[in-house]
Amino acid sequence: MAAEGAEAAGHHSPMAQFEINRIIHFNLGGYDVSFTNASLMMVIATALIVGFMVYAMRGRSLVPTRIQSVAEITYEFVANMVRENLGKDGMTYFPWIFTIFIFILLLNLLGLIPGSFTVTSHIIVTFALAGMVWLTATIIGFVKHGFGYLKLFVPDGVPLWLMPVIVPIELISYFIRPISHSVRLFANMMAGHTMLKVFAGFAVSLPWWGKIAPTGFMVAFTGLEFLVAFLQALIFTVLTCIYINDAVNMHH
């Protein structure tokens, strides 16, 4: 009975929603590459994005339908972000940046559906995305500027005697970019969903008169979570643009 009680308590724990569960077990060369609930949500997000964009733009009418308008507004929103941060030449990287924005946004929104799984609440996922951005920006920087890219770590106007202090600080700041980039998204998504689960637990366990306050908070907080889902996708994308701008234009 004690074991069953502990299992039930674990099942209703606010952190239980973040558990990764294997759907299809698969082992490759000693590595566990099973298809999980996280994998499923990423596949669903990818399928929805591709399906939506193909369906929305299939006609390309001069007088757009509502769904085509949504696709065009999303396109222009990200395109303006890229132009503002990278300039017109930065549109070369638009398809990649647009994909990052829409993918993270949809994963955030799908995680708000009751019973679904929030992929972006896992640091390994957000770190993989941030690491991809950091590595891509670094490669672009060295391809475009060669070893001149190292000037990024030597700010203009800094006295020579300060270089032994400033350069290590700049290097550390550069190498922790993937960490700060990923933790911001992961922490916000995990914290928000944990709060929702906690108040949902209160609403279930309390008598009817006690359910009013936590239920009202859940409704308000869910609305806030939709805003957070959008803002976190936006912040991640803006930082991506800034890092690419450093690589392309060497602005510092």
C-alpha atoms as a PDB file:
ATOM      1  CA  MET A   1       0.000   0.000   0.000  1.00  0.00           C
ATOM      2  CA  ALA A   2       2.852   2.366   0.849  1.00  0.00           C
ATOM      3  CA  ALA A   3       4.477   1.669  -2.514  1.00  0.00           C
ATOM      4  CA  GLU A   4       1.182   2.314  -4.311  1.00  0.00           C
ATOM      5  CA  GLY A   5       0.766   5.571  -2.402  1.00  0.00           C
ATOM      6  CA  ALA A   6       4.270   6.674  -3.330  1.00  0.00           C
ATOM      7  CA  GLU A   7       3.635   5.780  -6.973  1.00  0.00           C
ATOM      8  CA  ALA A   8       0.386   7.738  -6.974  1.00  0.00           C
ATOM      9  CA  ALA A   9       2.100  10.704  -5.340  1.00  0.00           C
ATOM     10  CA  GLY A  10       4.827  10.576  -7.976  1.00  0.00           C
ATOM     11  CA  HIS A  11       2.251  10.364 -10.748  1.00  0.00           C
ATOM     12  CA  HIS A  12       0.550  13.525  -9.477  1.00  0.00           C
ATOM     13  CA  SER A  13       3.814  15.335  -8.824  1.00  0.00           C
ATOM     14  CA  PRO A  14       4.153  18.647 -10.704  1.00  0.00           C
ATOM     15  CA  MET A  15       7.396  17.290 -12.165  1.00  0.00           C
ATOM     16  CA  ALA A  16       5.806  14.097 -13.544  1.00  0.00           C
ATOM     17  CA  GLN A  17       4.671  15.996 -16.651  1.00  0.00           C
ATOM     18  CA  PHE A  18       8.317  16.391 -17.699  1.00  0.00           C
ATOM     19  CA  GLU A  19       9.108  12.667 -17.739  1.00  0.00           C
ATOM     20  CA  ILE A  20      10.344  11.311 -21.067  1.00  0.00           C
ATOM     21  CA  ASN A  21       8.607   8.028 -21.909  1.00  0.00           C
ATOM     22  CA  ARG A  22       9.678   5.588 -24.592  1.00  0.00           C
ATOM     23  CA  ILE A  23       7.048   4.848 -27.231  1.00  0.00           C
ATOM     24  CA  ILE A  24       9.173   2.643 -29.501  1.00  0.00           C
ATOM     25  CA  HIS A  25      12.236   1.045 -27.910  1.00  0.00           C
ATOM     26  CA  PHE A  26      15.264   1.060 -30.177  1.00  0.00           C
ATOM     27  CA  ASN A  27      18.958   0.468 -29.558  1.00  0.00           C
ATOM     28  CA  LEU A  28      21.661   1.400 -32.053  1.00  0.00           C
ATOM     29  CA  GLY A  29      25.246   0.365 -31.387  1.00  0.00           C
ATOM     30  CA  GLY A  30      24.697   0.332 -27.654  1.00  0.00           C
ATOM     31  CA  TYR A  31      22.994   3.742 -27.663  1.00  0.00           C
ATOM     32  CA  ASP A  32      19.372   4.210 -26.697  1.00  0.00           C
ATOM     33  CA  VAL A  33      17.732   5.981 -29.652  1.00  0.00           C
ATOM     34  CA  SER A  34      14.164   5.094 -28.715  1.00  0.00           C
ATOM     35  CA  PHE A  35      11.256   7.061 -30.136  1.00  0.00           C
ATOM     36  CA  THR A  36       9.862   8.983 -27.155  1.00  0.00           C
ATOM     37  CA  ASN A  37       7.010  11.345 -26.341  1.00  0.00           C
ATOM     38  CA  ALA A  38       9.466  14.201 -26.953  1.00  0.00           C
ATOM     39  CA  SER A  39      10.292  12.786 -30.395  1.00  0.00           C
ATOM     40  CA  LEU A  40       6.585  12.449 -31.147  1.00  0.00           C
ATOM     41  CA  MET A  41       5.881  16.096 -30.296  1.00  0.00           C
ATOM     42  CA  MET A  42       8.750  17.281 -32.496  1.00  0.00           C
ATOM     43  CA  VAL A  43       7.494  15.149 -35.384  1.00  0.00           C
ATOM     44  CA  ILE A  44       3.960  16.512 -34.880  1.00  0.00           C
ATOM     45  CA  ALA A  45       5.284  20.089 -34.774  1.00  0.00           C
ATOM     46  CA  THR A  46       7.285  19.568 -37.969  1.00  0.00           C
ATOM     47  CA  ALA A  47       4.320  17.983 -39.755  1.00  0.00           C
ATOM     48  CA  LEU A  48       1.989  20.807 -38.670  1.00  0.00           C
ATOM     49  CA  ILE A  49       4.427  23.507 -39.804  1.00  0.00           C
ATOM     50  CA  VAL A  50       5.003  21.926 -43.218  1.00  0.00           C
ATOM     51  CA  GLY A  51       1.313  21.142 -43.658  1.00  0.00           C
ATOM     52  CA  PHE A  52       0.226  24.637 -42.649  1.00  0.00           C
ATOM     53  CA  MET A  53       2.700  26.469 -44.882  1.00  0.00           C
ATOM     54  CA  VAL A  54       1.984  24.265 -47.903  1.00  0.00           C
ATOM     55  CA  TYR A  55      -1.780  24.546 -47.448  1.00  0.00           C
ATOM     56  CA  ALA A  56      -1.711  28.291 -46.710  1.00  0.00           C
ATOM     57  CA  MET A  57       0.386  29.155 -49.766  1.00  0.00           C
ATOM     58  CA  ARG A  58      -1.026  26.639 -52.243  1.00  0.00           C
ATOM     59  CA  GLY A  59      -3.071  29.262 -54.112  1.00  0.00           C
ATOM     60  CA  ARG A  60      -0.961  32.395 -53.576  1.00  0.00           C
ATOM     61  CA  SER A  61      -3.936  34.589 -54.457  1.00  0.00           C
ATOM     62  CA  LEU A  62      -3.562  38.368 -54.709  1.00  0.00           C
ATOM     63  CA  VAL A  63      -6.468  38.678 -52.281  1.00  0.00           C
ATOM     64  CA  PRO A  64      -5.236  36.317 -49.554  1.00  0.00           C
ATOM     65  CA  THR A  65      -7.486  34.022 -47.579  1.00  0.00           C
ATOM     66  CA  ARG A  66      -7.393  34.190 -43.791  1.00  0.00           C
ATOM     67  CA  ILE A  67      -4.993  31.289 -43.500  1.00  0.00           C
ATOM     68  CA  GLN A  68      -2.745  32.742 -46.204  1.00  0.00           C
ATOM     69  CA  SER A  69      -2.787  36.057 -44.333  1.00  0.00           C
ATOM     70  CA  VAL A  70      -1.601  34.320 -41.152  1.00  0.00           C
ATOM     71  CA  ALA A  71       1.264  32.695 -43.068  1.00  0.00           C
ATOM     72  CA  GLU A  72       2.235  35.981 -44.737  1.00  0.00           C
ATOM     73  CA  ILE A  73       2.069  37.936 -41.462  1.00  0.00           C
ATOM     74  CA  THR A  74       4.313  35.339 -39.781  1.00  0.00           C
ATOM     75  CA  TYR A  75       6.718  35.504 -42.723  1.00  0.00           C
ATOM     76  CA  GLU A  76       6.896  39.303 -42.661  1.00  0.00           C
ATOM     77  CA  PHE A  77       7.231  39.403 -38.876  1.00  0.00           C
ATOM     78  CA  VAL A  78      10.357  37.240 -38.950  1.00  0.00           C
ATOM     79  CA  ALA A  79      11.659  38.887 -42.138  1.00  0.00           C
ATOM     80  CA  ASN A  80      11.473  42.331 -40.501  1.00  0.00           C
ATOM     81  CA  MET A  81      13.275  40.945 -37.459  1.00  0.00           C
ATOM     82  CA  VAL A  82      16.069  39.640 -39.675  1.00  0.00           C
ATOM     83  CA  ARG A  83      16.347  42.903 -41.637  1.00  0.00           C
ATOM     84  CA  GLU A  84      16.489  45.002 -38.465  1.00  0.00           C
ATOM     85  CA  ASN A  85      19.208  42.883 -36.876  1.00  0.00           C
ATOM     86  CA  LEU A  86      21.199  41.701 -39.900  1.00  0.00           C
ATOM     87  CA  GLY A  87      20.368  44.139 -42.698  1.00  0.00           C
ATOM     88  CA  LYS A  88      19.184  43.164 -46.170  1.00  0.00           C
ATOM     89  CA  ASP A  89      22.155  40.872 -46.719  1.00  0.00           C
ATOM     90  CA  GLY A  90      21.047  38.912 -43.680  1.00  0.00           C
ATOM     91  CA  MET A  91      18.025  37.609 -45.589  1.00  0.00           C
ATOM     92  CA  THR A  92      20.378  34.858 -46.792  1.00  0.00           C
ATOM     93  CA  TYR A  93      19.846  33.277 -43.375  1.00  0.00           C
ATOM     94  CA  PHE A  94      16.096  33.972 -43.239  1.00  0.00           C
ATOM     95  CA  PRO A  95      14.864  30.412 -44.008  1.00  0.00           C
ATOM     96  CA  TRP A  96      16.941  29.000 -41.158  1.00  0.00           C
ATOM     97  CA  ILE A  97      15.930  31.733 -38.677  1.00  0.00           C
ATOM     98  CA  PHE A  98      12.267  31.468 -39.694  1.00  0.00           C
ATOM     99  CA  THR A  99      12.384  27.704 -39.101  1.00  0.00           C
ATOM    100  CA  ILE A 100      13.872  28.191 -35.628  1.00  0.00           C
ATOM    101  CA  PHE A 101      11.181  30.720 -34.663  1.00  0.00           C
ATOM    102  CA  ILE A 102       8.173  28.785 -35.911  1.00  0.00           C
ATOM    103  CA  PHE A 103       9.476  25.447 -34.587  1.00  0.00           C
ATOM    104  CA  ILE A 104      10.080  26.741 -31.046  1.00  0.00           C
ATOM    105  CA  LEU A 105       6.822  28.703 -31.041  1.00  0.00           C
ATOM    106  CA  LEU A 106       4.766  25.671 -32.044  1.00  0.00           C
ATOM    107  CA  LEU A 107       6.519  23.394 -29.539  1.00  0.00           C
ATOM    108  CA  ASN A 108       5.765  25.950 -26.809  1.00  0.00           C
ATOM    109  CA  LEU A 109       2.109  26.200 -27.823  1.00  0.00           C
ATOM    110  CA  LEU A 110       1.623  22.451 -28.203  1.00  0.00           C
ATOM    111  CA  GLY A 111       2.930  22.039 -24.666  1.00  0.00           C
ATOM    112  CA  LEU A 112      -0.036  24.068 -23.389  1.00  0.00           C
ATOM    113  CA  ILE A 113      -2.514  21.426 -24.593  1.00  0.00           C
ATOM    114  CA  PRO A 114      -3.602  19.315 -21.587  1.00  0.00           C
ATOM    115  CA  GLY A 115      -2.038  15.859 -21.694  1.00  0.00           C
ATOM    116  CA  SER A 116       0.646  16.843 -24.204  1.00  0.00           C
ATOM    117  CA  PHE A 117       4.402  17.100 -23.634  1.00  0.00           C
ATOM    118  CA  THR A 118       6.414  20.326 -23.521  1.00  0.00           C
ATOM    119  CA  VAL A 119       9.612  19.568 -25.423  1.00  0.00           C
ATOM    120  CA  THR A 120      11.147  22.976 -24.712  1.00  0.00           C
ATOM    121  CA  SER A 121      10.959  22.316 -20.959  1.00  0.00           C
ATOM    122  CA  HIS A 122      13.980  20.020 -21.350  1.00  0.00           C
ATOM    123  CA  ILE A 123      17.421  21.586 -21.199  1.00  0.00           C
ATOM    124  CA  ILE A 124      18.894  18.983 -23.563  1.00  0.00           C
ATOM    125  CA  VAL A 125      16.519  20.119 -26.336  1.00  0.00           C
ATOM    126  CA  THR A 126      17.000  23.846 -25.822  1.00  0.00           C
ATOM    127  CA  PHE A 127      20.775  23.369 -25.448  1.00  0.00           C
ATOM    128  CA  ALA A 128      20.876  21.399 -28.719  1.00  0.00           C
ATOM    129  CA  LEU A 129      19.069  24.267 -30.472  1.00  0.00           C
ATOM    130  CA  ALA A 130      21.281  26.909 -28.847  1.00  0.00           C
ATOM    131  CA  GLY A 131      24.404  24.860 -29.585  1.00  0.00           C
ATOM    132  CA  MET A 132      23.387  24.617 -33.233  1.00  0.00           C
ATOM    133  CA  VAL A 133      22.985  28.410 -33.382  1.00  0.00           C
ATOM    134  CA  TRP A 134      26.350  29.009 -31.664  1.00  0.00           C
ATOM    135  CA  LEU A 135      28.207  26.537 -33.873  1.00  0.00           C
ATOM    136  CA  THR A 136      26.605  27.905 -37.049  1.00  0.00           C
ATOM    137  CA  ALA A 137      27.429  31.506 -36.099  1.00  0.00           C
ATOM    138  CA  THR A 138      31.027  30.527 -35.296  1.00  0.00           C
ATOM    139  CA  ILE A 139      31.459  28.736 -38.634  1.00  0.00           C
ATOM    140  CA  ILE A 140      29.941  31.679 -40.522  1.00  0.00           C
ATOM    141  CA  GLY A 141      32.297  34.065 -38.705  1.00  0.00           C
ATOM    142  CA  PHE A 142      35.436  32.133 -39.611  1.00  0.00           C
ATOM    143  CA  VAL A 143      34.279  31.461 -43.187  1.00  0.00           C
ATOM    144  CA  LYS A 144      33.589  35.158 -43.829  1.00  0.00           C
ATOM    145  CA  HIS A 145      36.485  36.701 -41.912  1.00  0.00           C
ATOM    146  CA  GLY A 146      39.027  33.931 -41.426  1.00  0.00           C
ATOM    147  CA  PHE A 147      41.192  34.447 -38.352  1.00  0.00           C
ATOM    148  CA  GLY A 148      40.091  38.079 -38.447  1.00  0.00           C
ATOM    149  CA  TYR A 149      36.982  36.849 -36.658  1.00  0.00           C
ATOM    150  CA  LEU A 150      39.101  36.703 -33.495  1.00  0.00           C
ATOM    151  CA  LYS A 151      38.967  40.516 -33.457  1.00  0.00           C
ATOM    152  CA  LEU A 152      35.466  40.033 -32.027  1.00  0.00           C
ATOM    153  CA  PHE A 153      37.165  39.344 -28.695  1.00  0.00           C
ATOM    154  CA  VAL A 154      39.200  42.557 -28.821  1.00  0.00           C
ATOM    155  CA  PRO A 155      36.792  45.503 -28.376  1.00  0.00           C
ATOM    156  CA  ASP A 156      37.696  48.739 -30.130  1.00  0.00           C
ATOM    157  CA  GLY A 157      39.240  51.473 -28.010  1.00  0.00           C
ATOM    158  CA  VAL A 158      40.393  49.214 -25.172  1.00  0.00           C
ATOM    159  CA  PRO A 159      43.897  50.119 -23.909  1.00  0.00           C
ATOM    160  CA  LEU A 160      46.567  47.513 -24.536  1.00  0.00           C
ATOM    161  CA  TRP A 161      47.275  47.053 -20.834  1.00  0.00           C
ATOM    162  CA  LEU A 162      43.647  45.968 -20.283  1.00  0.00           C
ATOM    163  CA  MET A 163      43.731  43.286 -22.978  1.00  0.00           C
ATOM    164  CA  PRO A 164      44.855  40.440 -20.638  1.00  0.00           C
ATOM    165  CA  VAL A 165      41.692  41.084 -18.624  1.00  0.00           C
ATOM    166  CA  ILE A 166      39.184  41.966 -21.366  1.00  0.00           C
ATOM    167  CA  VAL A 167      40.022  39.182 -23.850  1.00  0.00           C
ATOM    168  CA  PRO A 168      39.458  36.299 -21.355  1.00  0.00           C
ATOM    169  CA  ILE A 169      36.174  37.910 -20.272  1.00  0.00           C
ATOM    170  CA  GLU A 170      35.070  38.207 -23.909  1.00  0.00           C
ATOM    171  CA  LEU A 171      36.051  34.584 -24.585  1.00  0.00           C
ATOM    172  CA  ILE A 172      34.155  33.310 -21.553  1.00  0.00           C
ATOM    173  CA  SER A 173      31.139  35.405 -22.538  1.00  0.00           C
ATOM    174  CA  TYR A 174      31.255  33.945 -26.057  1.00  0.00           C
ATOM    175  CA  PHE A 175      31.545  30.336 -24.922  1.00  0.00           C
ATOM    176  CA  ILE A 176      28.696  30.564 -22.413  1.00  0.00           C
ATOM    177  CA  ARG A 177      26.301  31.864 -25.067  1.00  0.00           C
ATOM    178  CA  PRO A 178      24.776  28.410 -25.689  1.00  0.00           C
ATOM    179  CA  ILE A 179      24.173  28.006 -21.954  1.00  0.00           C
ATOM    180  CA  SER A 180      22.466  31.362 -21.406  1.00  0.00           C
ATOM    181  CA  HIS A 181      20.625  31.012 -24.723  1.00  0.00           C
ATOM    182  CA  SER A 182      19.205  27.602 -23.770  1.00  0.00           C
ATOM    183  CA  VAL A 183      18.563  28.080 -20.034  1.00  0.00           C
ATOM    184  CA  ARG A 184      16.323  31.107 -20.602  1.00  0.00           C
ATOM    185  CA  LEU A 185      13.886  29.134 -22.760  1.00  0.00           C
ATOM    186  CA  PHE A 186      14.038  25.940 -20.700  1.00  0.00           C
ATOM    187  CA  ALA A 187      13.616  27.679 -17.326  1.00  0.00           C
ATOM    188  CA  ASN A 188      10.641  29.790 -18.380  1.00  0.00           C
ATOM    189  CA  MET A 189       8.761  26.877 -19.922  1.00  0.00           C
ATOM    190  CA  MET A 190       9.437  24.524 -16.994  1.00  0.00           C
ATOM    191  CA  ALA A 191       8.557  27.124 -14.352  1.00  0.00           C
ATOM    192  CA  GLY A 192       5.282  28.077 -16.022  1.00  0.00           C
ATOM    193  CA  HIS A 193       4.092  24.504 -16.488  1.00  0.00           C
ATOM    194  CA  THR A 194       5.096  23.576 -12.946  1.00  0.00           C
ATOM    195  CA  MET A 195       3.026  26.452 -11.565  1.00  0.00           C
ATOM    196  CA  LEU A 196       0.022  25.387 -13.630  1.00  0.00           C
ATOM    197  CA  LYS A 197       0.330  21.813 -12.362  1.00  0.00           C
ATOM    198  CA  VAL A 198       0.624  22.951  -8.743  1.00  0.00           C
ATOM    199  CA  PHE A 199      -2.521  25.050  -8.905  1.00  0.00           C
ATOM    200  CA  ALA A 200      -4.325  22.298 -10.818  1.00  0.00           C
ATOM    201  CA  GLY A 201      -3.478  19.986  -7.911  1.00  0.00           C
ATOM    202  CA  PHE A 202      -4.958  22.514  -5.480  1.00  0.00           C
ATOM    203  CA  ALA A 203      -8.118  22.800  -7.569  1.00  0.00           C
ATOM    204  CA  VAL A 204      -8.595  19.023  -7.566  1.00  0.00           C
ATOM    205  CA  SER A 205      -7.819  18.359  -3.906  1.00  0.00           C
ATOM    206  CA  LEU A 206      -9.694  21.246  -2.259  1.00  0.00           C
ATOM    207  CA  PRO A 207     -13.455  21.294  -1.538  1.00  0.00           C
ATOM    208  CA  TRP A 208     -15.721  23.120  -3.988  1.00  0.00           C
ATOM    209  CA  TRP A 209     -15.504  26.453  -2.195  1.00  0.00           C
ATOM    210  CA  GLY A 210     -11.726  26.240  -2.208  1.00  0.00           C
ATOM    211  CA  LYS A 211     -11.477  25.534  -5.929  1.00  0.00           C
ATOM    212  CA  ILE A 212     -12.517  29.026  -6.991  1.00  0.00           C
ATOM    213  CA  ALA A 213      -9.224  30.839  -6.331  1.00  0.00           C
ATOM    214  CA  PRO A 214      -6.829  28.250  -7.845  1.00  0.00           C
ATOM    215  CA  THR A 215      -9.122  27.715 -10.838  1.00  0.00           C
ATOM    216  CA  GLY A 216      -9.288  31.458 -11.498  1.00  0.00           C
ATOM    217  CA  PHE A 217      -5.523  31.691 -11.184  1.00  0.00           C
ATOM    218  CA  MET A 218      -5.107  28.795 -13.632  1.00  0.00           C
ATOM    219  CA  VAL A 219      -7.270  30.534 -16.238  1.00  0.00           C
ATOM    220  CA  ALA A 220      -5.321  33.796 -15.886  1.00  0.00           C
ATOM    221  CA  PHE A 221      -1.951  32.042 -15.776  1.00  0.00           C
ATOM    222  CA  THR A 222      -2.785  29.963 -18.871  1.00  0.00           C
ATOM    223  CA  GLY A 223      -3.387  33.188 -20.771  1.00  0.00           C
ATOM    224  CA  LEU A 224      -0.045  34.468 -19.519  1.00  0.00           C
ATOM    225  CA  GLU A 225       1.626  31.218 -20.609  1.00  0.00           C
ATOM    226  CA  PHE A 226       0.436  31.786 -24.189  1.00  0.00           C
ATOM    227  CA  LEU A 227       2.183  35.157 -24.082  1.00  0.00           C
ATOM    228  CA  VAL A 228       5.312  33.605 -22.546  1.00  0.00           C
ATOM    229  CA  ALA A 229       5.313  30.895 -25.249  1.00  0.00           C
ATOM    230  CA  PHE A 230       5.419  33.582 -27.929  1.00  0.00           C
ATOM    231  CA  LEU A 231       7.904  35.826 -26.128  1.00  0.00           C
ATOM    232  CA  GLN A 232      10.368  33.006 -25.462  1.00  0.00           C
ATOM    233  CA  ALA A 233      10.321  31.978 -29.127  1.00  0.00           C
ATOM    234  CA  LEU A 234      10.815  35.644 -30.050  1.00  0.00           C
ATOM    235  CA  ILE A 235      13.703  36.177 -27.600  1.00  0.00           C
ATOM    236  CA  PHE A 236      15.451  32.998 -28.755  1.00  0.00           C
ATOM    237  CA  THR A 237      15.138  34.138 -32.373  1.00  0.00           C
ATOM    238  CA  VAL A 238      16.276  37.707 -31.701  1.00  0.00           C
ATOM    239  CA  LEU A 239      19.383  36.393 -29.903  1.00  0.00           C
ATOM    240  CA  THR A 240      20.007  34.106 -32.870  1.00  0.00           C
ATOM    241  CA  CYS A 241      19.902  37.145 -35.162  1.00  0.00           C
ATOM    242  CA  ILE A 242      22.301  39.031 -32.874  1.00  0.00           C
ATOM    243  CA  TYR A 243      24.799  36.156 -32.832  1.00  0.00           C
ATOM    244  CA  ILE A 244      24.634  35.813 -36.622  1.00  0.00           C
ATOM    245  CA  ASN A 245      25.070  39.580 -36.935  1.00  0.00           C
ATOM    246  CA  ASP A 246      28.259  39.365 -34.848  1.00  0.00           C
ATOM    247  CA  ALA A 247      29.522  36.686 -37.224  1.00  0.00           C
ATOM    248  CA  VAL A 248      28.542  38.463 -40.428  1.00  0.00           C
ATOM    249  CA  ASN A 249      29.160  42.120 -39.642  1.00  0.00           C
ATOM    250  CA  MET A 250      31.608  41.866 -36.720  1.00  0.00           C
ATOM    251  CA  HIS A 251      29.608  44.432 -34.761  1.00  0.00           C
ATOM    252  CA  HIS A 252      30.714  44.525 -31.192  1.00  0.00           C
END
